[in-house]
């Protein structure tokens, strides 16, 4: 089975607790296998989600919001 890698940018994460809160919410989505977060404390962190099925931006956004953070648009 192939996997899909989705990258989103999340603002507001400042510490390891933030990373675990976001990871926990994203891991609860169907098909998610791995979460890799490149924490940029106080700035915009890069979150890479590896899953077995495509995740909709709204699913990801809701999971991140549930953890108390915000997905931001990719900066050009």
PDB file of N, CA and C in Angstrom:
ATOM      1  N   UNK A   1       0.846  -1.188   0.000  1.00  0.00           N
ATOM      2  CA  UNK A   1       0.000   0.000   0.000  1.00  0.00           C
ATOM      3  C   UNK A   1       0.889   1.248   0.000  1.00  0.00           C
ATOM      4  N   UNK A   2       0.607   2.164  -0.880  1.00  0.00           N
ATOM      5  CA  UNK A   2       1.434   3.363  -0.924  1.00  0.00           C
ATOM      6  C   UNK A   2       0.980   4.367   0.124  1.00  0.00           C
ATOM      7  N   UNK A   3       1.892   5.218   0.492  1.00  0.00           N
ATOM      8  CA  UNK A   3       1.548   6.242   1.468  1.00  0.00           C
ATOM      9  C   UNK A   3       1.568   7.605   0.808  1.00  0.00           C
ATOM     10  N   UNK A   4       0.853   8.525   1.416  1.00  0.00           N
ATOM     11  CA  UNK A   4       0.744   9.889   0.931  1.00  0.00           C
ATOM     12  C   UNK A   4       1.366  10.792   1.979  1.00  0.00           C
ATOM     13  N   UNK A   5       2.181  11.719   1.534  1.00  0.00           N
ATOM     14  CA  UNK A   5       2.794  12.669   2.451  1.00  0.00           C
ATOM     15  C   UNK A   5       2.139  14.028   2.249  1.00  0.00           C
ATOM     16  N   UNK A   6       1.634  14.604   3.336  1.00  0.00           N
ATOM     17  CA  UNK A   6       0.968  15.899   3.286  1.00  0.00           C
ATOM     18  C   UNK A   6       1.714  16.840   4.211  1.00  0.00           C
ATOM     19  N   UNK A   7       2.037  18.023   3.731  1.00  0.00           N
ATOM     20  CA  UNK A   7       2.742  18.996   4.566  1.00  0.00           C
ATOM     21  C   UNK A   7       1.856  20.211   4.785  1.00  0.00           C
ATOM     22  N   UNK A   8       1.738  20.613   6.044  1.00  0.00           N
ATOM     23  CA  UNK A   8       0.981  21.823   6.383  1.00  0.00           C
ATOM     24  C   UNK A   8       1.850  22.683   7.287  1.00  0.00           C
ATOM     25  N   UNK A   9       1.498  23.953   7.383  1.00  0.00           N
ATOM     26  CA  UNK A   9       2.215  24.880   8.247  1.00  0.00           C
ATOM     27  C   UNK A   9       1.284  25.294   9.382  1.00  0.00           C
ATOM     28  N   UNK A  10       1.809  25.215  10.602  1.00  0.00           N
ATOM     29  CA  UNK A  10       0.997  25.483  11.784  1.00  0.00           C
ATOM     30  C   UNK A  10       1.649  26.596  12.589  1.00  0.00           C
ATOM     31  N   UNK A  11       0.839  27.588  12.970  1.00  0.00           N
ATOM     32  CA  UNK A  11       1.391  28.676  13.775  1.00  0.00           C
ATOM     33  C   UNK A  11       0.993  28.499  15.231  1.00  0.00           C
ATOM     34  N   UNK A  12       1.795  29.064  16.115  1.00  0.00           N
ATOM     35  CA  UNK A  12       1.467  29.099  17.529  1.00  0.00           C
ATOM     36  C   UNK A  12       2.106  28.034  18.389  1.00  0.00           C
ATOM     37  N   UNK A  13       2.780  27.053  17.785  1.00  0.00           N
ATOM     38  CA  UNK A  13       3.406  26.011  18.594  1.00  0.00           C
ATOM     39  C   UNK A  13       4.730  26.543  19.143  1.00  0.00           C
ATOM     40  N   UNK A  14       4.974  26.329  20.440  1.00  0.00           N
ATOM     41  CA  UNK A  14       6.183  26.886  21.048  1.00  0.00           C
ATOM     42  C   UNK A  14       7.056  25.853  21.746  1.00  0.00           C
ATOM     43  N   UNK A  15       6.541  24.641  21.989  1.00  0.00           N
ATOM     44  CA  UNK A  15       7.305  23.691  22.805  1.00  0.00           C
ATOM     45  C   UNK A  15       6.941  22.245  22.484  1.00  0.00           C
ATOM     46  N   UNK A  16       7.596  21.340  23.163  1.00  0.00           N
ATOM     47  CA  UNK A  16       7.341  19.920  22.972  1.00  0.00           C
ATOM     48  C   UNK A  16       5.915  19.527  23.296  1.00  0.00           C
ATOM     49  N   UNK A  17       5.317  20.191  24.274  1.00  0.00           N
ATOM     50  CA  UNK A  17       3.920  19.872  24.608  1.00  0.00           C
ATOM     51  C   UNK A  17       3.008  20.198  23.428  1.00  0.00           C
ATOM     52  N   UNK A  18       3.282  21.319  22.768  1.00  0.00           N
ATOM     53  CA  UNK A  18       2.493  21.713  21.588  1.00  0.00           C
ATOM     54  C   UNK A  18       2.601  20.638  20.513  1.00  0.00           C
ATOM     55  N   UNK A  19       3.835  20.175  20.288  1.00  0.00           N
ATOM     56  CA  UNK A  19       4.086  19.151  19.280  1.00  0.00           C
ATOM     57  C   UNK A  19       3.296  17.887  19.603  1.00  0.00           C
ATOM     58  N   UNK A  20       3.308  17.468  20.867  1.00  0.00           N
ATOM     59  CA  UNK A  20       2.594  16.238  21.206  1.00  0.00           C
ATOM     60  C   UNK A  20       1.087  16.419  21.116  1.00  0.00           C
ATOM     61  N   UNK A  21       0.580  17.604  21.452  1.00  0.00           N
ATOM     62  CA  UNK A  21      -0.865  17.865  21.357  1.00  0.00           C
ATOM     63  C   UNK A  21      -1.327  17.786  19.903  1.00  0.00           C
ATOM     64  N   UNK A  22      -0.564  18.418  19.004  1.00  0.00           N
ATOM     65  CA  UNK A  22      -0.917  18.404  17.582  1.00  0.00           C
ATOM     66  C   UNK A  22      -0.771  16.986  17.024  1.00  0.00           C
ATOM     67  N   UNK A  23       0.319  16.308  17.385  1.00  0.00           N
ATOM     68  CA  UNK A  23       0.539  14.942  16.903  1.00  0.00           C
ATOM     69  C   UNK A  23      -0.600  14.024  17.319  1.00  0.00           C
ATOM     70  N   UNK A  24      -1.014  14.146  18.574  1.00  0.00           N
ATOM     71  CA  UNK A  24      -2.081  13.289  19.104  1.00  0.00           C
ATOM     72  C   UNK A  24      -3.380  13.465  18.316  1.00  0.00           C
ATOM     73  N   UNK A  25      -3.750  14.719  18.042  1.00  0.00           N
ATOM     74  CA  UNK A  25      -4.975  14.978  17.286  1.00  0.00           C
ATOM     75  C   UNK A  25      -4.865  14.451  15.849  1.00  0.00           C
ATOM     76  N   UNK A  26      -3.715  14.680  15.202  1.00  0.00           N
ATOM     77  CA  UNK A  26      -3.547  14.230  13.817  1.00  0.00           C
ATOM     78  C   UNK A  26      -3.510  12.709  13.729  1.00  0.00           C
ATOM     79  N   UNK A  27      -2.902  12.054  14.729  1.00  0.00           N
ATOM     80  CA  UNK A  27      -2.827  10.591  14.714  1.00  0.00           C
ATOM     81  C   UNK A  27      -4.204   9.949  14.836  1.00  0.00           C
ATOM     82  N   UNK A  28      -5.195  10.709  15.325  1.00  0.00           N
ATOM     83  CA  UNK A  28      -6.536  10.150  15.458  1.00  0.00           C
ATOM     84  C   UNK A  28      -7.289  10.133  14.122  1.00  0.00           C
ATOM     85  N   UNK A  29      -6.742  10.791  13.094  1.00  0.00           N
ATOM     86  CA  UNK A  29      -7.379  10.784  11.774  1.00  0.00           C
ATOM     87  C   UNK A  29      -7.156   9.429  11.107  1.00  0.00           C
ATOM     88  N   UNK A  30      -8.133   9.008  10.345  1.00  0.00           N
ATOM     89  CA  UNK A  30      -8.067   7.706   9.667  1.00  0.00           C
ATOM     90  C   UNK A  30      -6.897   7.647   8.696  1.00  0.00           C
ATOM     91  N   UNK A  31      -6.129   6.558   8.790  1.00  0.00           N
ATOM     92  CA  UNK A  31      -5.063   6.317   7.828  1.00  0.00           C
ATOM     93  C   UNK A  31      -3.727   6.945   8.164  1.00  0.00           C
ATOM     94  N   UNK A  32      -3.686   7.784   9.208  1.00  0.00           N
ATOM     95  CA  UNK A  32      -2.423   8.449   9.543  1.00  0.00           C
ATOM     96  C   UNK A  32      -1.463   7.448  10.159  1.00  0.00           C
ATOM     97  N   UNK A  33      -0.240   7.422   9.617  1.00  0.00           N
ATOM     98  CA  UNK A  33       0.778   6.491  10.101  1.00  0.00           C
ATOM     99  C   UNK A  33       1.891   7.184  10.855  1.00  0.00           C
ATOM    100  N   UNK A  34       2.246   8.385  10.423  1.00  0.00           N
ATOM    101  CA  UNK A  34       3.387   9.069  11.039  1.00  0.00           C
ATOM    102  C   UNK A  34       3.223  10.576  10.963  1.00  0.00           C
ATOM    103  N   UNK A  35       3.668  11.255  12.017  1.00  0.00           N
ATOM    104  CA  UNK A  35       3.649  12.715  12.065  1.00  0.00           C
ATOM    105  C   UNK A  35       5.080  13.167  12.300  1.00  0.00           C
ATOM    106  N   UNK A  36       5.554  14.106  11.501  1.00  0.00           N
ATOM    107  CA  UNK A  36       6.885  14.660  11.709  1.00  0.00           C
ATOM    108  C   UNK A  36       6.741  16.174  11.791  1.00  0.00           C
ATOM    109  N   UNK A  37       7.105  16.744  12.931  1.00  0.00           N
ATOM    110  CA  UNK A  37       6.939  18.181  13.134  1.00  0.00           C
ATOM    111  C   UNK A  37       8.293  18.847  13.294  1.00  0.00           C
ATOM    112  N   UNK A  38       8.529  19.849  12.452  1.00  0.00           N
ATOM    113  CA  UNK A  38       9.737  20.658  12.546  1.00  0.00           C
ATOM    114  C   UNK A  38       9.329  21.923  13.294  1.00  0.00           C
ATOM    115  N   UNK A  39       9.556  21.921  14.614  1.00  0.00           N
ATOM    116  CA  UNK A  39       9.104  23.011  15.473  1.00  0.00           C
ATOM    117  C   UNK A  39       9.906  24.281  15.249  1.00  0.00           C
ATOM    118  N   UNK A  40       9.191  25.364  15.001  1.00  0.00           N
ATOM    119  CA  UNK A  40       9.791  26.692  14.908  1.00  0.00           C
ATOM    120  C   UNK A  40       9.099  27.506  15.997  1.00  0.00           C
ATOM    121  N   UNK A  41       9.667  27.465  17.203  1.00  0.00           N
ATOM    122  CA  UNK A  41       9.023  28.058  18.374  1.00  0.00           C
ATOM    123  C   UNK A  41       8.655  29.519  18.145  1.00  0.00           C
ATOM    124  N   UNK A  42       7.381  29.826  18.332  1.00  0.00           N
ATOM    125  CA  UNK A  42       6.898  31.185  18.176  1.00  0.00           C
ATOM    126  C   UNK A  42       6.650  31.602  16.745  1.00  0.00           C
ATOM    127  N   UNK A  43       7.027  30.754  15.804  1.00  0.00           N
ATOM    128  CA  UNK A  43       6.814  31.071  14.396  1.00  0.00           C
ATOM    129  C   UNK A  43       5.896  30.066  13.749  1.00  0.00           C
ATOM    130  N   UNK A  44       6.183  29.727  12.502  1.00  0.00           N
ATOM    131  CA  UNK A  44       5.366  28.765  11.769  1.00  0.00           C
ATOM    132  C   UNK A  44       6.128  27.446  11.684  1.00  0.00           C
ATOM    133  N   UNK A  45       5.530  26.394  12.233  1.00  0.00           N
ATOM    134  CA  UNK A  45       6.150  25.079  12.234  1.00  0.00           C
ATOM    135  C   UNK A  45       5.661  24.278  11.038  1.00  0.00           C
ATOM    136  N   UNK A  46       6.519  23.397  10.532  1.00  0.00           N
ATOM    137  CA  UNK A  46       6.163  22.555   9.402  1.00  0.00           C
ATOM    138  C   UNK A  46       5.763  21.180   9.919  1.00  0.00           C
ATOM    139  N   UNK A  47       4.581  20.737   9.521  1.00  0.00           N
ATOM    140  CA  UNK A  47       4.063  19.449   9.955  1.00  0.00           C
ATOM    141  C   UNK A  47       3.905  18.555   8.730  1.00  0.00           C
ATOM    142  N   UNK A  48       4.568  17.410   8.746  1.00  0.00           N
ATOM    143  CA  UNK A  48       4.460  16.462   7.646  1.00  0.00           C
ATOM    144  C   UNK A  48       3.706  15.237   8.145  1.00  0.00           C
ATOM    145  N   UNK A  49       2.638  14.913   7.451  1.00  0.00           N
ATOM    146  CA  UNK A  49       1.773  13.800   7.844  1.00  0.00           C
ATOM    147  C   UNK A  49       1.901  12.698   6.797  1.00  0.00           C
ATOM    148  N   UNK A  50       2.232  11.498   7.233  1.00  0.00           N
ATOM    149  CA  UNK A  50       2.294  10.358   6.329  1.00  0.00           C
ATOM    150  C   UNK A  50       1.052   9.510   6.594  1.00  0.00           C
ATOM    151  N   UNK A  51       0.275   9.246   5.547  1.00  0.00           N
ATOM    152  CA  UNK A  51      -0.969   8.505   5.717  1.00  0.00           C
ATOM    153  C   UNK A  51      -1.194   7.546   4.552  1.00  0.00           C
ATOM    154  N   UNK A  52      -2.100   6.595   4.759  1.00  0.00           N
ATOM    155  CA  UNK A  52      -2.407   5.620   3.721  1.00  0.00           C
ATOM    156  C   UNK A  52      -3.541   6.100   2.830  1.00  0.00           C
ATOM    157  N   UNK A  53      -4.171   7.194   3.204  1.00  0.00           N
ATOM    158  CA  UNK A  53      -5.229   7.764   2.359  1.00  0.00           C
ATOM    159  C   UNK A  53      -5.110   9.275   2.383  1.00  0.00           C
ATOM    160  N   UNK A  54      -5.672   9.905   1.345  1.00  0.00           N
ATOM    161  CA  UNK A  54      -5.583  11.350   1.257  1.00  0.00           C
ATOM    162  C   UNK A  54      -6.405  11.999   2.358  1.00  0.00           C
ATOM    163  N   UNK A  55      -5.838  13.029   2.981  1.00  0.00           N
ATOM    164  CA  UNK A  55      -6.531  13.756   4.033  1.00  0.00           C
ATOM    165  C   UNK A  55      -6.976  15.095   3.469  1.00  0.00           C
ATOM    166  N   UNK A  56      -8.188  15.497   3.798  1.00  0.00           N
ATOM    167  CA  UNK A  56      -8.660  16.781   3.295  1.00  0.00           C
ATOM    168  C   UNK A  56      -8.091  17.905   4.162  1.00  0.00           C
ATOM    169  N   UNK A  57      -7.873  19.061   3.557  1.00  0.00           N
ATOM    170  CA  UNK A  57      -7.365  20.197   4.342  1.00  0.00           C
ATOM    171  C   UNK A  57      -8.267  20.520   5.533  1.00  0.00           C
ATOM    172  N   UNK A  58      -9.582  20.329   5.369  1.00  0.00           N
ATOM    173  CA  UNK A  58     -10.473  20.640   6.484  1.00  0.00           C
ATOM    174  C   UNK A  58     -10.309  19.648   7.635  1.00  0.00           C
ATOM    175  N   UNK A  59     -10.081  18.367   7.311  1.00  0.00           N
ATOM    176  CA  UNK A  59      -9.821  17.356   8.357  1.00  0.00           C
ATOM    177  C   UNK A  59      -8.585  17.724   9.150  1.00  0.00           C
ATOM    178  N   UNK A  60      -7.523  18.072   8.423  1.00  0.00           N
ATOM    179  CA  UNK A  60      -6.261  18.430   9.066  1.00  0.00           C
ATOM    180  C   UNK A  60      -6.445  19.703   9.891  1.00  0.00           C
ATOM    181  N   UNK A  61      -7.095  20.693   9.304  1.00  0.00           N
ATOM    182  CA  UNK A  61      -7.324  21.966  10.001  1.00  0.00           C
ATOM    183  C   UNK A  61      -8.115  21.785  11.279  1.00  0.00           C
ATOM    184  N   UNK A  62      -9.151  20.940  11.227  1.00  0.00           N
ATOM    185  CA  UNK A  62      -9.970  20.698  12.411  1.00  0.00           C
ATOM    186  C   UNK A  62      -9.179  19.995  13.499  1.00  0.00           C
ATOM    187  N   UNK A  63      -8.345  19.032  13.119  1.00  0.00           N
ATOM    188  CA  UNK A  63      -7.535  18.306  14.101  1.00  0.00           C
ATOM    189  C   UNK A  63      -6.538  19.250  14.769  1.00  0.00           C
ATOM    190  N   UNK A  64      -5.897  20.111  13.962  1.00  0.00           N
ATOM    191  CA  UNK A  64      -4.937  21.065  14.513  1.00  0.00           C
ATOM    192  C   UNK A  64      -5.651  22.076  15.415  1.00  0.00           C
ATOM    193  N   UNK A  65      -6.837  22.522  14.981  1.00  0.00           N
ATOM    194  CA  UNK A  65      -7.617  23.474  15.790  1.00  0.00           C
ATOM    195  C   UNK A  65      -8.047  22.842  17.110  1.00  0.00           C
ATOM    196  N   UNK A  66      -8.367  21.559  17.072  1.00  0.00           N
ATOM    197  CA  UNK A  66      -8.760  20.828  18.273  1.00  0.00           C
ATOM    198  C   UNK A  66      -7.629  20.869  19.308  1.00  0.00           C
ATOM    199  N   UNK A  67      -6.389  20.880  18.819  1.00  0.00           N
ATOM    200  CA  UNK A  67      -5.226  20.950  19.711  1.00  0.00           C
ATOM    201  C   UNK A  67      -4.944  22.396  20.139  1.00  0.00           C
ATOM    202  N   UNK A  68      -5.652  23.346  19.530  1.00  0.00           N
ATOM    203  CA  UNK A  68      -5.510  24.746  19.926  1.00  0.00           C
ATOM    204  C   UNK A  68      -4.583  25.572  19.051  1.00  0.00           C
ATOM    205  N   UNK A  69      -4.330  25.090  17.833  1.00  0.00           N
ATOM    206  CA  UNK A  69      -3.408  25.800  16.942  1.00  0.00           C
ATOM    207  C   UNK A  69      -4.071  26.063  15.598  1.00  0.00           C
ATOM    208  N   UNK A  70      -3.345  26.721  14.716  1.00  0.00           N
ATOM    209  CA  UNK A  70      -3.933  27.151  13.452  1.00  0.00           C
ATOM    210  C   UNK A  70      -3.070  26.764  12.266  1.00  0.00           C
ATOM    211  N   UNK A  71      -3.694  26.135  11.271  1.00  0.00           N
ATOM    212  CA  UNK A  71      -2.984  25.844  10.022  1.00  0.00           C
ATOM    213  C   UNK A  71      -2.976  27.142   9.231  1.00  0.00           C
ATOM    214  N   UNK A  72      -1.799  27.521   8.744  1.00  0.00           N
ATOM    215  CA  UNK A  72      -1.687  28.759   7.967  1.00  0.00           C
ATOM    216  C   UNK A  72      -1.349  28.426   6.518  1.00  0.00           C
ATOM    217  N   UNK A  73      -1.654  29.344   5.642  1.00  0.00           N
ATOM    218  CA  UNK A  73      -1.403  29.138   4.212  1.00  0.00           C
ATOM    219  C   UNK A  73       0.098  29.019   3.964  1.00  0.00           C
ATOM    220  N   UNK A  74       0.449  28.222   2.985  1.00  0.00           N
ATOM    221  CA  UNK A  74       1.856  28.089   2.601  1.00  0.00           C
ATOM    222  C   UNK A  74       2.333  29.442   2.091  1.00  0.00           C
ATOM    223  N   UNK A  75       3.479  29.849   2.572  1.00  0.00           N
ATOM    224  CA  UNK A  75       4.012  31.124   2.123  1.00  0.00           C
ATOM    225  C   UNK A  75       4.799  30.908   0.843  1.00  0.00           C
ATOM    226  N   UNK A  76       4.514  31.735  -0.150  1.00  0.00           N
ATOM    227  CA  UNK A  76       5.168  31.573  -1.458  1.00  0.00           C
ATOM    228  C   UNK A  76       6.635  31.947  -1.382  1.00  0.00           C
TER     229      UNK A  76
END
